Amino acid sequence: MSDCNFRSARPGDEPGAYYVCLKTGNFGADGESFYREDPDALGRIYVGAYLAYEPDLSFVLEDEQGICGYALGAFDSRAFFDRYETKWRRDLCARFPEPTGDPSHWTRVQQAHYLYHHPDYFCPEPYESYPSHLHIDLLDRAQGRGYGRRMLEQVMEVLRRRGSPGAHLGVSTPNTRAYGFYERLGFQELTRVGEGSDGCIYMGKRLRV
């Protein structure tokens, strides 16, 4: 098993990072089979805008096979979402029409396209304590080797140096493994939104004492 290199993201990393998003897009497990007609559907939501708008808080992990993970962040979540709304989402909506028909019959791709038109900008309270947010995904071959911890700690150190008092992240309710990982990193549960497989748990960590 080869060692991985952790570095700042740069132009040209989008395809590799989108692929990681796809391969972890089923509540942390491989989502490729669900998104065959549009493999980049999730990456446009959860990766692309960070690479474009938060380059100082975008990091990738790579090995001899290519990009195998990323850690992304936004310093001011509300400012980031404002930019996403006015710039990034406008392009998505123009390119991908909102799905119609019975939502219970939608494919995963249609569900993702629906989110282009109806994004979720939820930020847990108290916002002033956790204004930044984080997002990380690793392929199976990079997991269990300490890279996830190192990557998140690097992003949080950048946030800390820039003066952020705290950061939050969301984890899907079924992804119990990720929940435990974040707990071990010192994140505490802030609130839960939704139910079942559609639910999300928001966790936060203070970056300044």
C-alpha atoms as a PDB file:
ATOM      1  CA  MET A   1       0.000   0.000   0.000  1.00  0.00           C
ATOM      2  CA  SER A   2       1.591   3.239  -1.152  1.00  0.00           C
ATOM      3  CA  ASP A   3       1.880   6.347   0.967  1.00  0.00           C
ATOM      4  CA  CYS A   4      -0.391   9.297   0.236  1.00  0.00           C
ATOM      5  CA  ASN A   5       0.577  12.901  -0.380  1.00  0.00           C
ATOM      6  CA  PHE A   6      -1.515  15.619   1.239  1.00  0.00           C
ATOM      7  CA  ARG A   7      -1.439  18.947  -0.576  1.00  0.00           C
ATOM      8  CA  SER A   8      -3.403  22.077  -1.382  1.00  0.00           C
ATOM      9  CA  ALA A   9      -5.914  21.671  -4.179  1.00  0.00           C
ATOM     10  CA  ARG A  10      -5.057  23.208  -7.519  1.00  0.00           C
ATOM     11  CA  PRO A  11      -6.753  23.710 -10.902  1.00  0.00           C
ATOM     12  CA  GLY A  12      -7.262  20.375 -12.605  1.00  0.00           C
ATOM     13  CA  ASP A  13      -8.146  18.495  -9.406  1.00  0.00           C
ATOM     14  CA  GLU A  14     -11.876  18.690 -10.059  1.00  0.00           C
ATOM     15  CA  PRO A  15     -12.317  15.333 -11.877  1.00  0.00           C
ATOM     16  CA  GLY A  16     -10.413  13.397  -9.220  1.00  0.00           C
ATOM     17  CA  ALA A  17     -12.183  15.107  -6.330  1.00  0.00           C
ATOM     18  CA  TYR A  18     -15.585  14.627  -7.977  1.00  0.00           C
ATOM     19  CA  TYR A  19     -14.794  10.927  -8.337  1.00  0.00           C
ATOM     20  CA  VAL A  20     -14.075  10.668  -4.607  1.00  0.00           C
ATOM     21  CA  CYS A  21     -17.434  12.325  -3.939  1.00  0.00           C
ATOM     22  CA  LEU A  22     -19.121   9.770  -6.190  1.00  0.00           C
ATOM     23  CA  LYS A  23     -17.397   6.772  -4.592  1.00  0.00           C
ATOM     24  CA  THR A  24     -18.438   7.933  -1.115  1.00  0.00           C
ATOM     25  CA  GLY A  25     -21.862   9.203  -2.195  1.00  0.00           C
ATOM     26  CA  ASN A  26     -23.978   6.445  -0.664  1.00  0.00           C
ATOM     27  CA  PHE A  27     -23.870   7.588   2.979  1.00  0.00           C
ATOM     28  CA  GLY A  28     -20.098   7.094   2.987  1.00  0.00           C
ATOM     29  CA  ALA A  29     -20.168   3.968   0.832  1.00  0.00           C
ATOM     30  CA  ASP A  30     -19.738   3.619  -2.939  1.00  0.00           C
ATOM     31  CA  GLY A  31     -22.446   5.530  -4.774  1.00  0.00           C
ATOM     32  CA  GLU A  32     -21.323   4.910  -8.343  1.00  0.00           C
ATOM     33  CA  SER A  33     -24.144   2.518  -9.210  1.00  0.00           C
ATOM     34  CA  PHE A  34     -26.739   5.152  -8.252  1.00  0.00           C
ATOM     35  CA  TYR A  35     -25.313   7.960 -10.406  1.00  0.00           C
ATOM     36  CA  ARG A  36     -24.286   6.293 -13.659  1.00  0.00           C
ATOM     37  CA  GLU A  37     -26.280   8.715 -15.837  1.00  0.00           C
ATOM     38  CA  ASP A  38     -24.596  11.716 -14.156  1.00  0.00           C
ATOM     39  CA  PRO A  39     -21.497  10.757 -12.122  1.00  0.00           C
ATOM     40  CA  ASP A  40     -20.748  14.388 -11.220  1.00  0.00           C
ATOM     41  CA  ALA A  41     -24.208  15.109  -9.797  1.00  0.00           C
ATOM     42  CA  LEU A  42     -23.037  15.128  -6.174  1.00  0.00           C
ATOM     43  CA  GLY A  43     -19.644  16.659  -6.820  1.00  0.00           C
ATOM     44  CA  ARG A  44     -21.232  19.800  -8.191  1.00  0.00           C
ATOM     45  CA  ILE A  45     -22.933  20.313  -4.818  1.00  0.00           C
ATOM     46  CA  TYR A  46     -20.362  19.136  -2.313  1.00  0.00           C
ATOM     47  CA  VAL A  47     -16.996  19.784  -3.980  1.00  0.00           C
ATOM     48  CA  GLY A  48     -16.943  22.178  -6.900  1.00  0.00           C
ATOM     49  CA  ALA A  49     -17.855  25.435  -5.193  1.00  0.00           C
ATOM     50  CA  TYR A  50     -15.241  24.877  -2.476  1.00  0.00           C
ATOM     51  CA  LEU A  51     -12.474  24.380  -5.010  1.00  0.00           C
ATOM     52  CA  ALA A  52     -13.645  27.516  -6.804  1.00  0.00           C
ATOM     53  CA  TYR A  53     -14.386  29.842  -3.885  1.00  0.00           C
ATOM     54  CA  GLU A  54     -12.316  28.558  -0.925  1.00  0.00           C
ATOM     55  CA  PRO A  55      -8.940  27.546  -2.427  1.00  0.00           C
ATOM     56  CA  ASP A  56      -7.045  28.240   0.803  1.00  0.00           C
ATOM     57  CA  LEU A  57      -9.274  25.734   2.611  1.00  0.00           C
ATOM     58  CA  SER A  58      -9.290  23.033  -0.071  1.00  0.00           C
ATOM     59  CA  PHE A  59      -6.892  20.093   0.260  1.00  0.00           C
ATOM     60  CA  VAL A  60      -6.592  16.796  -1.571  1.00  0.00           C
ATOM     61  CA  LEU A  61      -4.985  13.479  -0.767  1.00  0.00           C
ATOM     62  CA  GLU A  62      -3.366  11.533  -3.574  1.00  0.00           C
ATOM     63  CA  ASP A  63      -1.353   8.374  -4.140  1.00  0.00           C
ATOM     64  CA  GLU A  64       0.115   6.671  -7.204  1.00  0.00           C
ATOM     65  CA  GLN A  65      -3.420   5.924  -8.442  1.00  0.00           C
ATOM     66  CA  GLY A  66      -4.561   9.533  -8.189  1.00  0.00           C
ATOM     67  CA  ILE A  67      -6.693  11.629  -5.858  1.00  0.00           C
ATOM     68  CA  CYS A  68      -8.124   9.471  -3.072  1.00  0.00           C
ATOM     69  CA  GLY A  69      -9.537  12.048  -0.670  1.00  0.00           C
ATOM     70  CA  TYR A  70     -10.235  15.673   0.059  1.00  0.00           C
ATOM     71  CA  ALA A  71     -10.832  17.996   2.987  1.00  0.00           C
ATOM     72  CA  LEU A  72     -12.732  21.196   2.261  1.00  0.00           C
ATOM     73  CA  GLY A  73     -13.816  24.149   4.338  1.00  0.00           C
ATOM     74  CA  ALA A  74     -15.540  27.509   4.290  1.00  0.00           C
ATOM     75  CA  PHE A  75     -14.464  30.285   6.642  1.00  0.00           C
ATOM     76  CA  ASP A  76     -17.827  32.070   6.826  1.00  0.00           C
ATOM     77  CA  SER A  77     -20.630  29.655   5.965  1.00  0.00           C
ATOM     78  CA  ARG A  78     -23.252  32.300   5.298  1.00  0.00           C
ATOM     79  CA  ALA A  79     -20.942  34.274   2.999  1.00  0.00           C
ATOM     80  CA  PHE A  80     -20.033  31.073   1.185  1.00  0.00           C
ATOM     81  CA  PHE A  81     -23.674  30.101   0.714  1.00  0.00           C
ATOM     82  CA  ASP A  82     -24.484  33.602  -0.534  1.00  0.00           C
ATOM     83  CA  ARG A  83     -21.841  33.197  -3.219  1.00  0.00           C
ATOM     84  CA  TYR A  84     -23.059  29.691  -4.009  1.00  0.00           C
ATOM     85  CA  GLU A  85     -26.591  31.022  -4.380  1.00  0.00           C
ATOM     86  CA  THR A  86     -25.818  33.989  -6.613  1.00  0.00           C
ATOM     87  CA  LYS A  87     -23.133  32.418  -8.810  1.00  0.00           C
ATOM     88  CA  TRP A  88     -22.680  28.664  -8.586  1.00  0.00           C
ATOM     89  CA  ARG A  89     -26.321  27.593  -8.344  1.00  0.00           C
ATOM     90  CA  ARG A  90     -27.440  29.835 -11.192  1.00  0.00           C
ATOM     91  CA  ASP A  91     -25.293  27.836 -13.591  1.00  0.00           C
ATOM     92  CA  LEU A  92     -26.490  24.503 -12.222  1.00  0.00           C
ATOM     93  CA  CYS A  93     -30.147  25.438 -12.613  1.00  0.00           C
ATOM     94  CA  ALA A  94     -29.543  26.609 -16.178  1.00  0.00           C
ATOM     95  CA  ARG A  95     -27.869  23.334 -17.115  1.00  0.00           C
ATOM     96  CA  PHE A  96     -30.051  20.870 -15.236  1.00  0.00           C
ATOM     97  CA  PRO A  97     -33.841  21.264 -15.160  1.00  0.00           C
ATOM     98  CA  GLU A  98     -35.750  20.634 -11.980  1.00  0.00           C
ATOM     99  CA  PRO A  99     -37.167  17.084 -11.935  1.00  0.00           C
ATOM    100  CA  THR A 100     -40.910  16.625 -12.120  1.00  0.00           C
ATOM    101  CA  GLY A 101     -43.326  13.871 -11.175  1.00  0.00           C
ATOM    102  CA  ASP A 102     -43.641  11.909  -7.956  1.00  0.00           C
ATOM    103  CA  PRO A 103     -40.540  12.503  -5.773  1.00  0.00           C
ATOM    104  CA  SER A 104     -40.882   9.025  -4.272  1.00  0.00           C
ATOM    105  CA  HIS A 105     -40.015   7.632  -7.711  1.00  0.00           C
ATOM    106  CA  TRP A 106     -37.021   9.877  -8.367  1.00  0.00           C
ATOM    107  CA  THR A 107     -33.591   8.394  -8.947  1.00  0.00           C
ATOM    108  CA  ARG A 108     -30.640   9.527  -6.863  1.00  0.00           C
ATOM    109  CA  VAL A 109     -29.568  11.724  -9.773  1.00  0.00           C
ATOM    110  CA  GLN A 110     -32.973  13.403  -9.858  1.00  0.00           C
ATOM    111  CA  GLN A 111     -32.767  13.965  -6.115  1.00  0.00           C
ATOM    112  CA  ALA A 112     -29.396  15.654  -6.580  1.00  0.00           C
ATOM    113  CA  HIS A 113     -30.732  17.809  -9.424  1.00  0.00           C
ATOM    114  CA  TYR A 114     -33.630  18.819  -7.189  1.00  0.00           C
ATOM    115  CA  LEU A 115     -31.089  20.122  -4.681  1.00  0.00           C
ATOM    116  CA  TYR A 116     -29.630  22.356  -7.381  1.00  0.00           C
ATOM    117  CA  HIS A 117     -32.986  24.163  -7.415  1.00  0.00           C
ATOM    118  CA  HIS A 118     -33.734  23.832  -3.687  1.00  0.00           C
ATOM    119  CA  PRO A 119     -30.409  23.926  -1.837  1.00  0.00           C
ATOM    120  CA  ASP A 120     -29.992  23.354   1.876  1.00  0.00           C
ATOM    121  CA  TYR A 121     -28.160  26.251   3.532  1.00  0.00           C
ATOM    122  CA  PHE A 122     -28.787  25.159   7.094  1.00  0.00           C
ATOM    123  CA  CYS A 123     -26.271  26.343   9.691  1.00  0.00           C
ATOM    124  CA  PRO A 124     -26.563  25.142  13.289  1.00  0.00           C
ATOM    125  CA  GLU A 125     -26.812  27.568  16.171  1.00  0.00           C
ATOM    126  CA  PRO A 126     -25.141  29.292  17.863  1.00  0.00           C
ATOM    127  CA  TYR A 127     -23.799  30.453  14.513  1.00  0.00           C
ATOM    128  CA  GLU A 128     -21.390  32.922  16.093  1.00  0.00           C
ATOM    129  CA  SER A 129     -19.622  30.018  17.807  1.00  0.00           C
ATOM    130  CA  TYR A 130     -19.400  27.755  14.741  1.00  0.00           C
ATOM    131  CA  PRO A 131     -19.461  29.985  11.641  1.00  0.00           C
ATOM    132  CA  SER A 132     -17.047  27.865   9.596  1.00  0.00           C
ATOM    133  CA  HIS A 133     -17.831  24.461   8.170  1.00  0.00           C
ATOM    134  CA  LEU A 134     -15.915  21.415   6.963  1.00  0.00           C
ATOM    135  CA  HIS A 135     -16.398  18.535   4.562  1.00  0.00           C
ATOM    136  CA  ILE A 136     -14.169  15.472   4.097  1.00  0.00           C
ATOM    137  CA  ASP A 137     -14.300  12.229   2.122  1.00  0.00           C
ATOM    138  CA  LEU A 138     -11.743   9.451   1.626  1.00  0.00           C
ATOM    139  CA  LEU A 139     -11.739   6.445  -0.667  1.00  0.00           C
ATOM    140  CA  ASP A 140     -11.543   3.051   1.017  1.00  0.00           C
ATOM    141  CA  ARG A 141      -7.873   2.620   0.195  1.00  0.00           C
ATOM    142  CA  ALA A 142      -6.996   5.789   2.150  1.00  0.00           C
ATOM    143  CA  GLN A 143      -9.129   5.099   5.218  1.00  0.00           C
ATOM    144  CA  GLY A 144      -7.927   3.785   8.549  1.00  0.00           C
ATOM    145  CA  ARG A 145      -4.433   5.185   8.080  1.00  0.00           C
ATOM    146  CA  GLY A 146      -4.704   8.467   9.975  1.00  0.00           C
ATOM    147  CA  TYR A 147      -5.036  10.657   6.917  1.00  0.00           C
ATOM    148  CA  GLY A 148      -8.562  11.823   7.693  1.00  0.00           C
ATOM    149  CA  ARG A 149      -7.532  13.160  11.073  1.00  0.00           C
ATOM    150  CA  ARG A 150      -4.463  14.905   9.666  1.00  0.00           C
ATOM    151  CA  MET A 151      -6.444  16.496   6.855  1.00  0.00           C
ATOM    152  CA  LEU A 152      -9.194  17.847   9.093  1.00  0.00           C
ATOM    153  CA  GLU A 153      -6.663  19.115  11.591  1.00  0.00           C
ATOM    154  CA  GLN A 154      -4.877  20.978   8.793  1.00  0.00           C
ATOM    155  CA  VAL A 155      -8.083  22.668   7.640  1.00  0.00           C
ATOM    156  CA  MET A 156      -8.989  23.562  11.221  1.00  0.00           C
ATOM    157  CA  GLU A 157      -5.514  25.010  11.789  1.00  0.00           C
ATOM    158  CA  VAL A 158      -5.961  27.281   8.774  1.00  0.00           C
ATOM    159  CA  LEU A 159      -9.348  28.355  10.117  1.00  0.00           C
ATOM    160  CA  ARG A 160      -7.852  28.951  13.550  1.00  0.00           C
ATOM    161  CA  ARG A 161      -5.064  31.114  12.143  1.00  0.00           C
ATOM    162  CA  ARG A 162      -7.626  33.164  10.244  1.00  0.00           C
ATOM    163  CA  GLY A 163      -9.542  33.766  13.446  1.00  0.00           C
ATOM    164  CA  SER A 164     -12.510  31.417  13.249  1.00  0.00           C
ATOM    165  CA  PRO A 165     -13.952  30.607  16.681  1.00  0.00           C
ATOM    166  CA  GLY A 166     -15.358  27.239  15.629  1.00  0.00           C
ATOM    167  CA  ALA A 167     -16.485  24.952  12.840  1.00  0.00           C
ATOM    168  CA  HIS A 168     -19.377  22.630  12.171  1.00  0.00           C
ATOM    169  CA  LEU A 169     -20.039  19.760   9.811  1.00  0.00           C
ATOM    170  CA  GLY A 170     -22.945  17.539   8.864  1.00  0.00           C
ATOM    171  CA  VAL A 171     -23.035  13.762   8.839  1.00  0.00           C
ATOM    172  CA  SER A 172     -25.887  11.675   7.465  1.00  0.00           C
ATOM    173  CA  THR A 173     -27.760   9.806  10.169  1.00  0.00           C
ATOM    174  CA  PRO A 174     -26.976   6.345   8.728  1.00  0.00           C
ATOM    175  CA  ASN A 175     -23.235   7.062   8.649  1.00  0.00           C
ATOM    176  CA  THR A 176     -22.465   5.939  12.192  1.00  0.00           C
ATOM    177  CA  ARG A 177     -18.810   5.291  11.399  1.00  0.00           C
ATOM    178  CA  ALA A 178     -18.253   8.923  10.446  1.00  0.00           C
ATOM    179  CA  TYR A 179     -20.112  10.091  13.558  1.00  0.00           C
ATOM    180  CA  GLY A 180     -17.718   8.142  15.756  1.00  0.00           C
ATOM    181  CA  PHE A 181     -14.716   9.493  13.854  1.00  0.00           C
ATOM    182  CA  TYR A 182     -15.801  13.090  14.407  1.00  0.00           C
ATOM    183  CA  GLU A 183     -16.485  12.436  18.061  1.00  0.00           C
ATOM    184  CA  ARG A 184     -12.931  11.188  18.513  1.00  0.00           C
ATOM    185  CA  LEU A 185     -11.716  14.424  16.934  1.00  0.00           C
ATOM    186  CA  GLY A 186     -13.540  16.441  19.577  1.00  0.00           C
ATOM    187  CA  PHE A 187     -16.717  17.349  17.717  1.00  0.00           C
ATOM    188  CA  GLN A 188     -19.919  17.465  19.746  1.00  0.00           C
ATOM    189  CA  GLU A 189     -23.454  17.061  18.494  1.00  0.00           C
ATOM    190  CA  LEU A 190     -25.297  20.354  18.047  1.00  0.00           C
ATOM    191  CA  THR A 191     -28.614  19.371  16.487  1.00  0.00           C
ATOM    192  CA  ARG A 192     -30.385  16.858  14.250  1.00  0.00           C
ATOM    193  CA  VAL A 193     -32.461  17.678  11.199  1.00  0.00           C
ATOM    194  CA  GLY A 194     -34.761  15.290   9.347  1.00  0.00           C
ATOM    195  CA  GLU A 195     -35.421  11.630   9.989  1.00  0.00           C
ATOM    196  CA  GLY A 196     -34.180   8.241   8.881  1.00  0.00           C
ATOM    197  CA  SER A 197     -31.875   7.989   5.893  1.00  0.00           C
ATOM    198  CA  ASP A 198     -32.687  11.620   5.006  1.00  0.00           C
ATOM    199  CA  GLY A 199     -31.617  12.888   8.422  1.00  0.00           C
ATOM    200  CA  CYS A 200     -28.486  14.897   9.128  1.00  0.00           C
ATOM    201  CA  ILE A 201     -26.582  15.325  12.379  1.00  0.00           C
ATOM    202  CA  TYR A 202     -24.706  18.594  12.801  1.00  0.00           C
ATOM    203  CA  MET A 203     -21.608  18.540  14.974  1.00  0.00           C
ATOM    204  CA  GLY A 204     -19.374  21.388  16.068  1.00  0.00           C
ATOM    205  CA  LYS A 205     -15.946  22.027  17.525  1.00  0.00           C
ATOM    206  CA  ARG A 206     -14.559  25.184  19.054  1.00  0.00           C
ATOM    207  CA  LEU A 207     -11.248  26.298  17.570  1.00  0.00           C
ATOM    208  CA  ARG A 208     -10.415  28.903  20.197  1.00  0.00           C
ATOM    209  CA  VAL A 209     -10.614  28.534  23.943  1.00  0.00           C
END
